[in-house]
Amino acid sequence: MLLADRDVIRPEHGVQLVRAIPGSQLMIVPGNHGDYLGEQAASDGDLRTMRTTLPFILRHLDEA
């Protein structure tokens, strides 16, 4: 699960979900909902968070 510290889903709820799903992982990044995926409306065009997060997402997908 990937979410931001100021996301729609609160970090503590993400922790609860990951604990309930065996083998799941959680990554919490700084920002708002959509920032970490480069969503234009959410990030106001600032793609720094997305560029920082992307290598972690790709590494996770490669390991899956």
PDB file of N, CA and C in Angstrom:
ATOM      1  N   MET A   1       0.844  -1.157   0.000  1.00  0.00           N
ATOM      2  CA  MET A   1       0.000   0.000   0.000  1.00  0.00           C
ATOM      3  C   MET A   1       0.895   1.226   0.000  1.00  0.00           C
ATOM      4  N   LEU A   2       0.515   2.193  -0.777  1.00  0.00           N
ATOM      5  CA  LEU A   2       1.248   3.449  -0.873  1.00  0.00           C
ATOM      6  C   LEU A   2       0.279   4.572  -0.578  1.00  0.00           C
ATOM      7  N   LEU A   3       0.649   5.435   0.358  1.00  0.00           N
ATOM      8  CA  LEU A   3      -0.172   6.603   0.624  1.00  0.00           C
ATOM      9  C   LEU A   3       0.698   7.719   1.147  1.00  0.00           C
ATOM     10  N   ALA A   4       0.127   8.906   1.149  1.00  0.00           N
ATOM     11  CA  ALA A   4       0.850  10.083   1.624  1.00  0.00           C
ATOM     12  C   ALA A   4       0.468  10.376   3.065  1.00  0.00           C
ATOM     13  N   ASP A   5       1.329  11.129   3.740  1.00  0.00           N
ATOM     14  CA  ASP A   5       1.059  11.424   5.152  1.00  0.00           C
ATOM     15  C   ASP A   5      -0.132  12.361   5.339  1.00  0.00           C
ATOM     16  N   ARG A   6      -0.550  13.045   4.264  1.00  0.00           N
ATOM     17  CA  ARG A   6      -1.746  13.891   4.315  1.00  0.00           C
ATOM     18  C   ARG A   6      -2.750  13.416   3.259  1.00  0.00           C
ATOM     19  N   ASP A   7      -2.883  12.114   3.129  1.00  0.00           N
ATOM     20  CA  ASP A   7      -3.727  11.480   2.118  1.00  0.00           C
ATOM     21  C   ASP A   7      -5.174  11.380   2.595  1.00  0.00           C
ATOM     22  N   VAL A   8      -6.044  10.886   1.717  1.00  0.00           N
ATOM     23  CA  VAL A   8      -7.438  10.639   2.073  1.00  0.00           C
ATOM     24  C   VAL A   8      -7.507   9.574   3.166  1.00  0.00           C
ATOM     25  N   ILE A   9      -6.723   8.506   3.001  1.00  0.00           N
ATOM     26  CA  ILE A   9      -6.611   7.466   4.027  1.00  0.00           C
ATOM     27  C   ILE A   9      -5.533   7.909   5.005  1.00  0.00           C
ATOM     28  N   ARG A  10      -5.857   7.945   6.278  1.00  0.00           N
ATOM     29  CA  ARG A  10      -4.892   8.368   7.280  1.00  0.00           C
ATOM     30  C   ARG A  10      -3.829   7.288   7.472  1.00  0.00           C
ATOM     31  N   PRO A  11      -2.592   7.690   7.759  1.00  0.00           N
ATOM     32  CA  PRO A  11      -1.510   6.713   7.922  1.00  0.00           C
ATOM     33  C   PRO A  11      -1.831   5.595   8.912  1.00  0.00           C
ATOM     34  N   GLU A  12      -2.488   5.913  10.015  1.00  0.00           N
ATOM     35  CA  GLU A  12      -2.792   4.863  10.989  1.00  0.00           C
ATOM     36  C   GLU A  12      -3.772   3.834  10.432  1.00  0.00           C
ATOM     37  N   HIS A  13      -4.629   4.251   9.510  1.00  0.00           N
ATOM     38  CA  HIS A  13      -5.526   3.292   8.869  1.00  0.00           C
ATOM     39  C   HIS A  13      -4.746   2.410   7.886  1.00  0.00           C
ATOM     40  N   GLY A  14      -3.768   2.990   7.229  1.00  0.00           N
ATOM     41  CA  GLY A  14      -2.906   2.197   6.359  1.00  0.00           C
ATOM     42  C   GLY A  14      -2.158   1.129   7.140  1.00  0.00           C
ATOM     43  N   VAL A  15      -1.682   1.494   8.328  1.00  0.00           N
ATOM     44  CA  VAL A  15      -0.988   0.531   9.191  1.00  0.00           C
ATOM     45  C   VAL A  15      -1.943  -0.598   9.577  1.00  0.00           C
ATOM     46  N   GLN A  16      -3.162  -0.269   9.940  1.00  0.00           N
ATOM     47  CA  GLN A  16      -4.149  -1.294  10.303  1.00  0.00           C
ATOM     48  C   GLN A  16      -4.411  -2.242   9.131  1.00  0.00           C
ATOM     49  N   LEU A  17      -4.551  -1.692   7.924  1.00  0.00           N
ATOM     50  CA  LEU A  17      -4.793  -2.533   6.750  1.00  0.00           C
ATOM     51  C   LEU A  17      -3.629  -3.475   6.482  1.00  0.00           C
ATOM     52  N   VAL A  18      -2.420  -2.959   6.557  1.00  0.00           N
ATOM     53  CA  VAL A  18      -1.243  -3.779   6.277  1.00  0.00           C
ATOM     54  C   VAL A  18      -1.098  -4.888   7.316  1.00  0.00           C
ATOM     55  N   ARG A  19      -1.412  -4.588   8.551  1.00  0.00           N
ATOM     56  CA  ARG A  19      -1.358  -5.623   9.588  1.00  0.00           C
ATOM     57  C   ARG A  19      -2.396  -6.712   9.353  1.00  0.00           C
ATOM     58  N   ALA A  20      -3.524  -6.348   8.734  1.00  0.00           N
ATOM     59  CA  ALA A  20      -4.610  -7.303   8.498  1.00  0.00           C
ATOM     60  C   ALA A  20      -4.403  -8.155   7.249  1.00  0.00           C
ATOM     61  N   ILE A  21      -3.498  -7.726   6.359  1.00  0.00           N
ATOM     62  CA  ILE A  21      -3.283  -8.430   5.089  1.00  0.00           C
ATOM     63  C   ILE A  21      -1.897  -9.065   5.113  1.00  0.00           C
ATOM     64  N   PRO A  22      -1.829 -10.383   5.261  1.00  0.00           N
ATOM     65  CA  PRO A  22      -0.527 -11.060   5.317  1.00  0.00           C
ATOM     66  C   PRO A  22       0.323 -10.770   4.069  1.00  0.00           C
ATOM     67  N   GLY A  23       1.598 -10.472   4.301  1.00  0.00           N
ATOM     68  CA  GLY A  23       2.529 -10.247   3.206  1.00  0.00           C
ATOM     69  C   GLY A  23       2.457  -8.863   2.583  1.00  0.00           C
ATOM     70  N   SER A  24       1.577  -8.018   3.086  1.00  0.00           N
ATOM     71  CA  SER A  24       1.460  -6.682   2.490  1.00  0.00           C
ATOM     72  C   SER A  24       2.555  -5.765   3.017  1.00  0.00           C
ATOM     73  N   GLN A  25       2.746  -4.663   2.317  1.00  0.00           N
ATOM     74  CA  GLN A  25       3.764  -3.682   2.686  1.00  0.00           C
ATOM     75  C   GLN A  25       3.139  -2.305   2.655  1.00  0.00           C
ATOM     76  N   LEU A  26       3.736  -1.383   3.379  1.00  0.00           N
ATOM     77  CA  LEU A  26       3.225  -0.015   3.448  1.00  0.00           C
ATOM     78  C   LEU A  26       4.368   0.958   3.217  1.00  0.00           C
ATOM     79  N   MET A  27       4.111   1.933   2.366  1.00  0.00           N
ATOM     80  CA  MET A  27       5.048   3.034   2.163  1.00  0.00           C
ATOM     81  C   MET A  27       4.260   4.321   2.323  1.00  0.00           C
ATOM     82  N   ILE A  28       4.698   5.171   3.258  1.00  0.00           N
ATOM     83  CA  ILE A  28       4.060   6.463   3.481  1.00  0.00           C
ATOM     84  C   ILE A  28       5.057   7.541   3.064  1.00  0.00           C
ATOM     85  N   VAL A  29       4.623   8.381   2.137  1.00  0.00           N
ATOM     86  CA  VAL A  29       5.489   9.437   1.608  1.00  0.00           C
ATOM     87  C   VAL A  29       4.922  10.799   2.011  1.00  0.00           C
ATOM     88  N   PRO A  30       5.745  11.825   2.024  1.00  0.00           N
ATOM     89  CA  PRO A  30       5.227  13.149   2.352  1.00  0.00           C
ATOM     90  C   PRO A  30       4.355  13.675   1.219  1.00  0.00           C
ATOM     91  N   GLY A  31       3.291  14.358   1.575  1.00  0.00           N
ATOM     92  CA  GLY A  31       2.459  14.985   0.562  1.00  0.00           C
ATOM     93  C   GLY A  31       0.985  14.736   0.758  1.00  0.00           C
ATOM     94  N   ASN A  32       0.236  15.069  -0.279  1.00  0.00           N
ATOM     95  CA  ASN A  32      -1.211  14.917  -0.305  1.00  0.00           C
ATOM     96  C   ASN A  32      -1.601  13.811  -1.258  1.00  0.00           C
ATOM     97  N   HIS A  33      -2.886  13.511  -1.288  1.00  0.00           N
ATOM     98  CA  HIS A  33      -3.418  12.474  -2.161  1.00  0.00           C
ATOM     99  C   HIS A  33      -3.047  12.767  -3.620  1.00  0.00           C
ATOM    100  N   GLY A  34      -2.416  11.812  -4.261  1.00  0.00           N
ATOM    101  CA  GLY A  34      -2.069  11.943  -5.677  1.00  0.00           C
ATOM    102  C   GLY A  34      -0.705  12.538  -5.946  1.00  0.00           C
ATOM    103  N   ASP A  35      -0.115  13.239  -4.975  1.00  0.00           N
ATOM    104  CA  ASP A  35       1.206  13.839  -5.195  1.00  0.00           C
ATOM    105  C   ASP A  35       2.230  12.797  -5.616  1.00  0.00           C
ATOM    106  N   TYR A  36       2.212  11.658  -4.948  1.00  0.00           N
ATOM    107  CA  TYR A  36       3.232  10.635  -5.150  1.00  0.00           C
ATOM    108  C   TYR A  36       3.084   9.899  -6.474  1.00  0.00           C
ATOM    109  N   LEU A  37       1.971  10.096  -7.161  1.00  0.00           N
ATOM    110  CA  LEU A  37       1.795   9.486  -8.485  1.00  0.00           C
ATOM    111  C   LEU A  37       1.887  10.523  -9.594  1.00  0.00           C
ATOM    112  N   GLY A  38       2.112  11.772  -9.232  1.00  0.00           N
ATOM    113  CA  GLY A  38       2.237  12.822 -10.233  1.00  0.00           C
ATOM    114  C   GLY A  38       0.909  13.262 -10.804  1.00  0.00           C
ATOM    115  N   GLU A  39      -0.180  13.034 -10.076  1.00  0.00           N
ATOM    116  CA  GLU A  39      -1.503  13.438 -10.534  1.00  0.00           C
ATOM    117  C   GLU A  39      -1.533  14.961 -10.616  1.00  0.00           C
ATOM    118  N   GLN A  40      -1.721  15.500 -11.794  1.00  0.00           N
ATOM    119  CA  GLN A  40      -1.579  16.934 -12.032  1.00  0.00           C
ATOM    120  C   GLN A  40      -2.490  17.783 -11.145  1.00  0.00           C
ATOM    121  N   ALA A  41      -3.752  17.397 -10.994  1.00  0.00           N
ATOM    122  CA  ALA A  41      -4.673  18.203 -10.197  1.00  0.00           C
ATOM    123  C   ALA A  41      -4.269  18.193  -8.729  1.00  0.00           C
ATOM    124  N   ALA A  42      -3.755  17.066  -8.259  1.00  0.00           N
ATOM    125  CA  ALA A  42      -3.375  16.959  -6.852  1.00  0.00           C
ATOM    126  C   ALA A  42      -2.031  17.620  -6.584  1.00  0.00           C
ATOM    127  N   SER A  43      -1.104  17.507  -7.512  1.00  0.00           N
ATOM    128  CA  SER A  43       0.260  17.977  -7.266  1.00  0.00           C
ATOM    129  C   SER A  43       0.506  19.403  -7.729  1.00  0.00           C
ATOM    130  N   ASP A  44      -0.482  20.027  -8.354  1.00  0.00           N
ATOM    131  CA  ASP A  44      -0.311  21.383  -8.910  1.00  0.00           C
ATOM    132  C   ASP A  44       0.887  21.459  -9.844  1.00  0.00           C
ATOM    133  N   GLY A  45       1.185  20.360 -10.509  1.00  0.00           N
ATOM    134  CA  GLY A  45       2.283  20.331 -11.460  1.00  0.00           C
ATOM    135  C   GLY A  45       3.653  20.116 -10.842  1.00  0.00           C
ATOM    136  N   ASP A  46       3.727  20.030  -9.506  1.00  0.00           N
ATOM    137  CA  ASP A  46       5.004  19.794  -8.819  1.00  0.00           C
ATOM    138  C   ASP A  46       5.232  18.283  -8.756  1.00  0.00           C
ATOM    139  N   LEU A  47       6.148  17.790  -9.556  1.00  0.00           N
ATOM    140  CA  LEU A  47       6.371  16.357  -9.687  1.00  0.00           C
ATOM    141  C   LEU A  47       7.537  15.839  -8.847  1.00  0.00           C
ATOM    142  N   ARG A  48       8.054  16.644  -7.930  1.00  0.00           N
ATOM    143  CA  ARG A  48       9.198  16.209  -7.125  1.00  0.00           C
ATOM    144  C   ARG A  48       8.885  14.965  -6.294  1.00  0.00           C
ATOM    145  N   THR A  49       7.724  14.941  -5.650  1.00  0.00           N
ATOM    146  CA  THR A  49       7.374  13.781  -4.830  1.00  0.00           C
ATOM    147  C   THR A  49       7.236  12.548  -5.692  1.00  0.00           C
ATOM    148  N   MET A  50       6.605  12.684  -6.852  1.00  0.00           N
ATOM    149  CA  MET A  50       6.452  11.549  -7.762  1.00  0.00           C
ATOM    150  C   MET A  50       7.816  11.033  -8.219  1.00  0.00           C
ATOM    151  N   ARG A  51       8.716  11.927  -8.544  1.00  0.00           N
ATOM    152  CA  ARG A  51      10.052  11.501  -8.989  1.00  0.00           C
ATOM    153  C   ARG A  51      10.824  10.798  -7.879  1.00  0.00           C
ATOM    154  N   THR A  52      10.594  11.185  -6.646  1.00  0.00           N
ATOM    155  CA  THR A  52      11.239  10.536  -5.514  1.00  0.00           C
ATOM    156  C   THR A  52      10.626   9.170  -5.239  1.00  0.00           C
ATOM    157  N   THR A  53       9.316   9.061  -5.371  1.00  0.00           N
ATOM    158  CA  THR A  53       8.585   7.837  -5.059  1.00  0.00           C
ATOM    159  C   THR A  53       8.709   6.783  -6.149  1.00  0.00           C
ATOM    160  N   LEU A  54       8.790   7.191  -7.391  1.00  0.00           N
ATOM    161  CA  LEU A  54       8.775   6.268  -8.522  1.00  0.00           C
ATOM    162  C   LEU A  54       9.808   5.147  -8.438  1.00  0.00           C
ATOM    163  N   PRO A  55      11.065   5.399  -8.080  1.00  0.00           N
ATOM    164  CA  PRO A  55      12.019   4.284  -7.987  1.00  0.00           C
ATOM    165  C   PRO A  55      11.602   3.209  -6.979  1.00  0.00           C
ATOM    166  N   PHE A  56      10.981   3.609  -5.876  1.00  0.00           N
ATOM    167  CA  PHE A  56      10.513   2.651  -4.882  1.00  0.00           C
ATOM    168  C   PHE A  56       9.374   1.812  -5.436  1.00  0.00           C
ATOM    169  N   ILE A  57       8.458   2.448  -6.173  1.00  0.00           N
ATOM    170  CA  ILE A  57       7.340   1.716  -6.786  1.00  0.00           C
ATOM    171  C   ILE A  57       7.877   0.714  -7.803  1.00  0.00           C
ATOM    172  N   LEU A  58       8.774   1.144  -8.641  1.00  0.00           N
ATOM    173  CA  LEU A  58       9.335   0.250  -9.675  1.00  0.00           C
ATOM    174  C   LEU A  58      10.080  -0.909  -9.053  1.00  0.00           C
ATOM    175  N   ARG A  59      10.840  -0.663  -7.996  1.00  0.00           N
ATOM    176  CA  ARG A  59      11.557  -1.735  -7.325  1.00  0.00           C
ATOM    177  C   ARG A  59      10.569  -2.748  -6.722  1.00  0.00           C
ATOM    178  N   HIS A  60       9.507  -2.248  -6.112  1.00  0.00           N
ATOM    179  CA  HIS A  60       8.492  -3.133  -5.549  1.00  0.00           C
ATOM    180  C   HIS A  60       7.852  -3.997  -6.643  1.00  0.00           C
ATOM    181  N   LEU A  61       7.536  -3.399  -7.771  1.00  0.00           N
ATOM    182  CA  LEU A  61       6.926  -4.142  -8.871  1.00  0.00           C
ATOM    183  C   LEU A  61       7.885  -5.184  -9.439  1.00  0.00           C
ATOM    184  N   ASP A  62       9.157  -4.864  -9.487  1.00  0.00           N
ATOM    185  CA  ASP A  62      10.152  -5.821  -9.974  1.00  0.00           C
ATOM    186  C   ASP A  62      10.274  -7.020  -9.032  1.00  0.00           C
ATOM    187  N   GLU A  63      10.076  -6.799  -7.735  1.00  0.00           N
ATOM    188  CA  GLU A  63      10.191  -7.856  -6.740  1.00  0.00           C
ATOM    189  C   GLU A  63       8.939  -8.728  -6.675  1.00  0.00           C
ATOM    190  N   ALA A  64       7.839  -8.197  -7.161  1.00  0.00           N
ATOM    191  CA  ALA A  64       6.559  -8.943  -7.052  1.00  0.00           C
ATOM    192  C   ALA A  64       6.504 -10.118  -8.000  1.00  0.00           C
TER     193      ALA A  64
END
